[in-house]
Amino acid sequence: MFNPDIISWDEHQAFWKNRLSRKDLFSFLILVDGAPNGVLKLDLVKKNDCEIDIFLHPKVQGKGIATQAIKELISFARTKNILKLLARVKPDNISSRNLFERFGFNLKYVLYEYEVKK
């Protein structure tokens, strides 16, 4: 799940070490002109269903890179017998919403959140 908080370098390294050791999580580095500019993650949420998480550096957004990454991810999913892809997108992230809708993703749920304060 998305965490907007800034984390320490040690926490970041621990996160990736754990993630890369698991068989139910796939991680891809997005390269632009040979340089890392994003990450695409695919997490198994139940048998044959995976959730997508994509991040691109702002300097490469709007150049079709996410479109190409999602195309390649869909091809990868077919090789792993993944039957359903899911994506959580913040309501104000119009670019991501449009990206997924162009690929035929359908809006299924609206998620409401309430923070219970002590």
N, C-alpha and C. Protein backbone atom coordinates (compact mmCIF):
# COMPACT_ATOMS: atom_id res chain seq x y z
N MET A 1 0.84 -1.18 0.00
CA MET A 1 0.00 0.00 0.00
C MET A 1 0.89 1.24 0.00
N PHE A 2 0.45 2.26 -0.66
CA PHE A 2 1.20 3.49 -0.80
C PHE A 2 1.42 4.16 0.56
N ASN A 3 2.65 4.55 0.79
CA ASN A 3 3.00 5.28 2.02
C ASN A 3 3.66 6.59 1.61
N PRO A 4 3.02 7.72 1.85
CA PRO A 4 3.57 9.01 1.42
C PRO A 4 4.68 9.54 2.34
N ASP A 5 4.93 8.85 3.44
CA ASP A 5 5.94 9.33 4.39
C ASP A 5 7.35 9.09 3.85
N ILE A 6 8.25 9.98 4.18
CA ILE A 6 9.65 9.82 3.83
C ILE A 6 10.24 8.77 4.77
N ILE A 7 10.98 7.81 4.17
CA ILE A 7 11.58 6.76 4.99
C ILE A 7 13.10 6.91 4.94
N SER A 8 13.76 6.32 5.91
CA SER A 8 15.22 6.39 5.97
C SER A 8 15.82 5.47 4.92
N TRP A 9 17.09 5.67 4.62
CA TRP A 9 17.80 4.81 3.68
C TRP A 9 17.81 3.36 4.17
N ASP A 10 18.00 3.17 5.48
CA ASP A 10 18.00 1.81 6.05
C ASP A 10 16.64 1.14 5.85
N GLU A 11 15.56 1.89 6.08
CA GLU A 11 14.22 1.34 5.87
C GLU A 11 14.00 0.99 4.39
N HIS A 12 14.50 1.86 3.53
CA HIS A 12 14.37 1.64 2.09
C HIS A 12 15.10 0.36 1.67
N GLN A 13 16.32 0.19 2.15
CA GLN A 13 17.09 -1.01 1.83
C GLN A 13 16.41 -2.26 2.38
N ALA A 14 15.90 -2.19 3.60
CA ALA A 14 15.22 -3.35 4.20
C ALA A 14 13.97 -3.71 3.40
N PHE A 15 13.23 -2.69 2.97
CA PHE A 15 12.03 -2.92 2.16
C PHE A 15 12.39 -3.70 0.90
N TRP A 16 13.42 -3.24 0.16
CA TRP A 16 13.77 -3.88 -1.10
C TRP A 16 14.40 -5.25 -0.89
N LYS A 17 15.17 -5.42 0.16
CA LYS A 17 15.76 -6.74 0.43
C LYS A 17 14.65 -7.75 0.66
N ASN A 18 13.66 -7.38 1.46
CA ASN A 18 12.52 -8.26 1.71
C ASN A 18 11.74 -8.51 0.43
N ARG A 19 11.44 -7.46 -0.29
CA ARG A 19 10.63 -7.57 -1.50
C ARG A 19 11.29 -8.49 -2.53
N LEU A 20 12.57 -8.32 -2.74
CA LEU A 20 13.26 -9.09 -3.77
C LEU A 20 13.45 -10.56 -3.38
N SER A 21 13.27 -10.88 -2.10
CA SER A 21 13.43 -12.28 -1.66
C SER A 21 12.13 -13.07 -1.80
N ARG A 22 11.02 -12.40 -2.04
CA ARG A 22 9.72 -13.07 -2.07
C ARG A 22 9.35 -13.53 -3.48
N LYS A 23 8.66 -14.67 -3.54
CA LYS A 23 8.25 -15.26 -4.82
C LYS A 23 6.91 -14.73 -5.31
N ASP A 24 6.15 -14.07 -4.44
CA ASP A 24 4.82 -13.58 -4.81
C ASP A 24 4.85 -12.11 -5.23
N LEU A 25 6.04 -11.53 -5.32
CA LEU A 25 6.19 -10.13 -5.70
C LEU A 25 7.19 -10.03 -6.85
N PHE A 26 6.84 -9.26 -7.85
CA PHE A 26 7.73 -9.02 -8.99
C PHE A 26 8.08 -7.54 -9.03
N SER A 27 9.32 -7.23 -9.29
CA SER A 27 9.77 -5.84 -9.33
C SER A 27 10.60 -5.62 -10.58
N PHE A 28 10.35 -4.50 -11.25
CA PHE A 28 11.05 -4.16 -12.48
C PHE A 28 11.55 -2.73 -12.40
N LEU A 29 12.76 -2.53 -12.81
CA LEU A 29 13.34 -1.21 -12.90
C LEU A 29 13.02 -0.67 -14.29
N ILE A 30 12.53 0.55 -14.36
CA ILE A 30 12.22 1.17 -15.64
C ILE A 30 13.42 2.02 -16.05
N LEU A 31 14.03 1.64 -17.16
CA LEU A 31 15.20 2.34 -17.66
C LEU A 31 14.81 3.27 -18.81
N VAL A 32 15.36 4.46 -18.80
CA VAL A 32 15.18 5.41 -19.89
C VAL A 32 16.57 5.81 -20.34
N ASP A 33 16.88 5.52 -21.59
CA ASP A 33 18.24 5.76 -22.12
C ASP A 33 19.29 5.12 -21.22
N GLY A 34 18.99 3.92 -20.72
CA GLY A 34 19.93 3.16 -19.92
C GLY A 34 20.02 3.56 -18.46
N ALA A 35 19.30 4.60 -18.06
CA ALA A 35 19.35 5.07 -16.67
C ALA A 35 18.04 4.74 -15.95
N PRO A 36 18.12 4.34 -14.68
CA PRO A 36 16.90 4.04 -13.91
C PRO A 36 16.07 5.31 -13.69
N ASN A 37 14.80 5.23 -14.08
CA ASN A 37 13.89 6.37 -13.93
C ASN A 37 12.53 5.97 -13.39
N GLY A 38 12.41 4.74 -12.93
CA GLY A 38 11.13 4.34 -12.38
C GLY A 38 11.14 2.90 -11.93
N VAL A 39 10.04 2.52 -11.30
CA VAL A 39 9.86 1.18 -10.78
C VAL A 39 8.44 0.72 -11.12
N LEU A 40 8.33 -0.54 -11.49
CA LEU A 40 7.04 -1.16 -11.73
C LEU A 40 6.99 -2.39 -10.85
N LYS A 41 5.96 -2.46 -10.01
CA LYS A 41 5.84 -3.60 -9.09
C LYS A 41 4.54 -4.33 -9.38
N LEU A 42 4.60 -5.63 -9.19
CA LEU A 42 3.45 -6.50 -9.41
C LEU A 42 3.36 -7.42 -8.19
N ASP A 43 2.27 -7.31 -7.44
CA ASP A 43 2.10 -8.07 -6.20
C ASP A 43 0.92 -9.03 -6.33
N LEU A 44 1.19 -10.30 -6.04
CA LEU A 44 0.13 -11.29 -6.04
C LEU A 44 -0.78 -11.02 -4.84
N VAL A 45 -2.06 -10.76 -5.10
CA VAL A 45 -3.00 -10.49 -4.01
C VAL A 45 -3.91 -11.68 -3.72
N LYS A 46 -4.12 -12.51 -4.71
CA LYS A 46 -4.76 -13.82 -4.54
C LYS A 46 -4.43 -14.62 -5.78
N LYS A 47 -4.70 -15.88 -5.76
CA LYS A 47 -4.29 -16.75 -6.87
C LYS A 47 -4.68 -16.14 -8.21
N ASN A 48 -3.70 -15.90 -9.06
CA ASN A 48 -3.86 -15.39 -10.42
C ASN A 48 -4.30 -13.92 -10.51
N ASP A 49 -4.33 -13.19 -9.40
CA ASP A 49 -4.67 -11.77 -9.42
C ASP A 49 -3.50 -10.98 -8.83
N CYS A 50 -3.09 -9.95 -9.55
CA CYS A 50 -1.97 -9.13 -9.08
C CYS A 50 -2.32 -7.65 -9.11
N GLU A 51 -1.72 -6.92 -8.19
CA GLU A 51 -1.89 -5.48 -8.13
C GLU A 51 -0.64 -4.81 -8.69
N ILE A 52 -0.86 -3.82 -9.54
CA ILE A 52 0.21 -3.06 -10.17
C ILE A 52 0.50 -1.81 -9.36
N ASP A 53 1.78 -1.47 -9.28
CA ASP A 53 2.22 -0.20 -8.69
C ASP A 53 3.31 0.33 -9.61
N ILE A 54 3.14 1.54 -10.10
CA ILE A 54 4.13 2.12 -11.01
C ILE A 54 4.53 3.50 -10.52
N PHE A 55 5.83 3.77 -10.61
CA PHE A 55 6.35 5.09 -10.27
C PHE A 55 7.34 5.49 -11.35
N LEU A 56 7.19 6.70 -11.86
CA LEU A 56 8.15 7.26 -12.82
C LEU A 56 8.67 8.59 -12.28
N HIS A 57 9.94 8.83 -12.49
CA HIS A 57 10.52 10.12 -12.13
C HIS A 57 9.78 11.20 -12.92
N PRO A 58 9.46 12.33 -12.28
CA PRO A 58 8.71 13.39 -12.98
C PRO A 58 9.33 13.84 -14.31
N LYS A 59 10.65 13.80 -14.44
CA LYS A 59 11.28 14.29 -15.67
C LYS A 59 10.99 13.41 -16.88
N VAL A 60 10.53 12.18 -16.67
CA VAL A 60 10.22 11.30 -17.81
C VAL A 60 8.73 11.02 -17.96
N GLN A 61 7.91 11.65 -17.13
CA GLN A 61 6.47 11.45 -17.24
C GLN A 61 5.93 12.15 -18.49
N GLY A 62 4.86 11.61 -19.04
CA GLY A 62 4.23 12.21 -20.21
C GLY A 62 4.93 11.91 -21.52
N LYS A 63 5.82 10.93 -21.54
CA LYS A 63 6.58 10.60 -22.74
C LYS A 63 6.28 9.20 -23.26
N GLY A 64 5.21 8.58 -22.77
CA GLY A 64 4.83 7.25 -23.25
C GLY A 64 5.55 6.11 -22.57
N ILE A 65 6.38 6.41 -21.58
CA ILE A 65 7.16 5.37 -20.92
C ILE A 65 6.26 4.47 -20.08
N ALA A 66 5.33 5.04 -19.36
CA ALA A 66 4.40 4.23 -18.56
C ALA A 66 3.56 3.33 -19.47
N THR A 67 3.15 3.86 -20.61
CA THR A 67 2.38 3.06 -21.56
C THR A 67 3.18 1.83 -22.00
N GLN A 68 4.43 2.03 -22.37
CA GLN A 68 5.28 0.92 -22.79
C GLN A 68 5.50 -0.06 -21.64
N ALA A 69 5.70 0.46 -20.43
CA ALA A 69 5.92 -0.40 -19.26
C ALA A 69 4.70 -1.27 -18.99
N ILE A 70 3.51 -0.70 -19.08
CA ILE A 70 2.29 -1.48 -18.83
C ILE A 70 2.09 -2.52 -19.93
N LYS A 71 2.40 -2.17 -21.18
CA LYS A 71 2.32 -3.16 -22.28
C LYS A 71 3.21 -4.36 -21.97
N GLU A 72 4.44 -4.08 -21.57
CA GLU A 72 5.38 -5.17 -21.27
C GLU A 72 4.94 -5.95 -20.04
N LEU A 73 4.36 -5.26 -19.06
CA LEU A 73 3.88 -5.94 -17.86
C LEU A 73 2.74 -6.90 -18.20
N ILE A 74 1.84 -6.48 -19.07
CA ILE A 74 0.73 -7.35 -19.48
C ILE A 74 1.28 -8.60 -20.18
N SER A 75 2.27 -8.43 -21.03
CA SER A 75 2.90 -9.59 -21.68
C SER A 75 3.54 -10.51 -20.65
N PHE A 76 4.22 -9.93 -19.67
CA PHE A 76 4.83 -10.71 -18.59
C PHE A 76 3.76 -11.47 -17.81
N ALA A 77 2.65 -10.80 -17.50
CA ALA A 77 1.56 -11.43 -16.74
C ALA A 77 1.04 -12.67 -17.46
N ARG A 78 0.95 -12.60 -18.77
CA ARG A 78 0.48 -13.76 -19.54
C ARG A 78 1.41 -14.95 -19.36
N THR A 79 2.71 -14.71 -19.28
CA THR A 79 3.67 -15.82 -19.13
C THR A 79 3.60 -16.45 -17.75
N LYS A 80 3.05 -15.73 -16.77
CA LYS A 80 2.96 -16.22 -15.39
C LYS A 80 1.56 -16.70 -15.04
N ASN A 81 0.68 -16.81 -16.04
CA ASN A 81 -0.70 -17.25 -15.83
C ASN A 81 -1.47 -16.33 -14.88
N ILE A 82 -1.14 -15.06 -14.91
CA ILE A 82 -1.89 -14.06 -14.13
C ILE A 82 -3.13 -13.71 -14.94
N LEU A 83 -4.28 -13.80 -14.31
CA LEU A 83 -5.54 -13.62 -15.02
C LEU A 83 -6.17 -12.25 -14.82
N LYS A 84 -5.81 -11.57 -13.73
CA LYS A 84 -6.41 -10.26 -13.47
C LYS A 84 -5.35 -9.32 -12.92
N LEU A 85 -5.35 -8.10 -13.45
CA LEU A 85 -4.46 -7.05 -12.95
C LEU A 85 -5.31 -5.96 -12.32
N LEU A 86 -4.88 -5.49 -11.18
CA LEU A 86 -5.59 -4.46 -10.43
C LEU A 86 -4.66 -3.25 -10.25
N ALA A 87 -5.24 -2.07 -10.18
CA ALA A 87 -4.44 -0.87 -9.95
C ALA A 87 -5.21 0.07 -9.04
N ARG A 88 -4.55 0.53 -7.99
CA ARG A 88 -5.13 1.55 -7.11
C ARG A 88 -4.58 2.89 -7.57
N VAL A 89 -5.47 3.83 -7.81
CA VAL A 89 -5.06 5.14 -8.30
C VAL A 89 -5.77 6.21 -7.47
N LYS A 90 -4.99 7.19 -7.03
CA LYS A 90 -5.60 8.30 -6.29
C LYS A 90 -6.54 9.06 -7.22
N PRO A 91 -7.68 9.54 -6.68
CA PRO A 91 -8.68 10.20 -7.52
C PRO A 91 -8.14 11.39 -8.32
N ASP A 92 -7.18 12.11 -7.77
CA ASP A 92 -6.67 13.30 -8.47
C ASP A 92 -5.54 12.98 -9.46
N ASN A 93 -5.17 11.70 -9.59
CA ASN A 93 -4.11 11.32 -10.52
C ASN A 93 -4.74 10.96 -11.87
N ILE A 94 -5.12 11.98 -12.59
CA ILE A 94 -5.83 11.81 -13.86
C ILE A 94 -4.97 11.07 -14.88
N SER A 95 -3.68 11.36 -14.92
CA SER A 95 -2.80 10.71 -15.90
C SER A 95 -2.79 9.19 -15.70
N SER A 96 -2.68 8.75 -14.45
CA SER A 96 -2.68 7.31 -14.19
C SER A 96 -4.04 6.69 -14.48
N ARG A 97 -5.09 7.39 -14.12
CA ARG A 97 -6.43 6.87 -14.41
C ARG A 97 -6.60 6.68 -15.92
N ASN A 98 -6.18 7.69 -16.69
CA ASN A 98 -6.28 7.59 -18.14
C ASN A 98 -5.41 6.47 -18.69
N LEU A 99 -4.22 6.30 -18.14
CA LEU A 99 -3.32 5.23 -18.57
C LEU A 99 -4.00 3.87 -18.46
N PHE A 100 -4.52 3.58 -17.28
CA PHE A 100 -5.14 2.27 -17.08
C PHE A 100 -6.41 2.11 -17.90
N GLU A 101 -7.19 3.16 -18.02
CA GLU A 101 -8.42 3.07 -18.82
C GLU A 101 -8.10 2.83 -20.29
N ARG A 102 -7.01 3.40 -20.81
CA ARG A 102 -6.61 3.14 -22.20
C ARG A 102 -6.33 1.66 -22.45
N PHE A 103 -5.88 0.97 -21.41
CA PHE A 103 -5.61 -0.46 -21.53
C PHE A 103 -6.83 -1.32 -21.27
N GLY A 104 -7.95 -0.71 -20.97
CA GLY A 104 -9.17 -1.47 -20.75
C GLY A 104 -9.45 -1.82 -19.30
N PHE A 105 -8.68 -1.24 -18.36
CA PHE A 105 -8.99 -1.44 -16.95
C PHE A 105 -10.33 -0.77 -16.67
N ASN A 106 -11.17 -1.42 -15.88
CA ASN A 106 -12.49 -0.90 -15.54
C ASN A 106 -12.52 -0.46 -14.10
N LEU A 107 -13.17 0.66 -13.85
CA LEU A 107 -13.37 1.14 -12.49
C LEU A 107 -14.33 0.19 -11.78
N LYS A 108 -13.89 -0.39 -10.67
CA LYS A 108 -14.71 -1.38 -9.96
C LYS A 108 -15.19 -0.88 -8.60
N TYR A 109 -14.34 -0.14 -7.91
CA TYR A 109 -14.67 0.27 -6.55
C TYR A 109 -14.22 1.70 -6.32
N VAL A 110 -14.88 2.33 -5.39
CA VAL A 110 -14.40 3.59 -4.84
C VAL A 110 -14.10 3.31 -3.38
N LEU A 111 -12.91 3.60 -2.97
CA LEU A 111 -12.46 3.31 -1.62
C LEU A 111 -12.52 4.58 -0.78
N TYR A 112 -13.22 4.52 0.33
CA TYR A 112 -13.27 5.64 1.27
C TYR A 112 -12.40 5.29 2.46
N GLU A 113 -11.75 6.29 3.00
CA GLU A 113 -10.87 6.09 4.14
C GLU A 113 -11.24 7.08 5.24
N TYR A 114 -11.24 6.58 6.44
CA TYR A 114 -11.50 7.43 7.61
C TYR A 114 -10.46 7.12 8.66
N GLU A 115 -9.79 8.13 9.11
CA GLU A 115 -8.76 7.95 10.13
C GLU A 115 -9.38 8.19 11.51
N VAL A 116 -9.41 7.15 12.32
CA VAL A 116 -9.95 7.24 13.68
C VAL A 116 -8.87 7.84 14.56
N LYS A 117 -9.21 8.98 15.14
CA LYS A 117 -8.24 9.67 16.00
C LYS A 117 -8.50 9.29 17.44
N LYS A 118 -7.40 9.14 18.17
CA LYS A 118 -7.52 8.76 19.58
C LYS A 118 -7.71 9.96 20.45
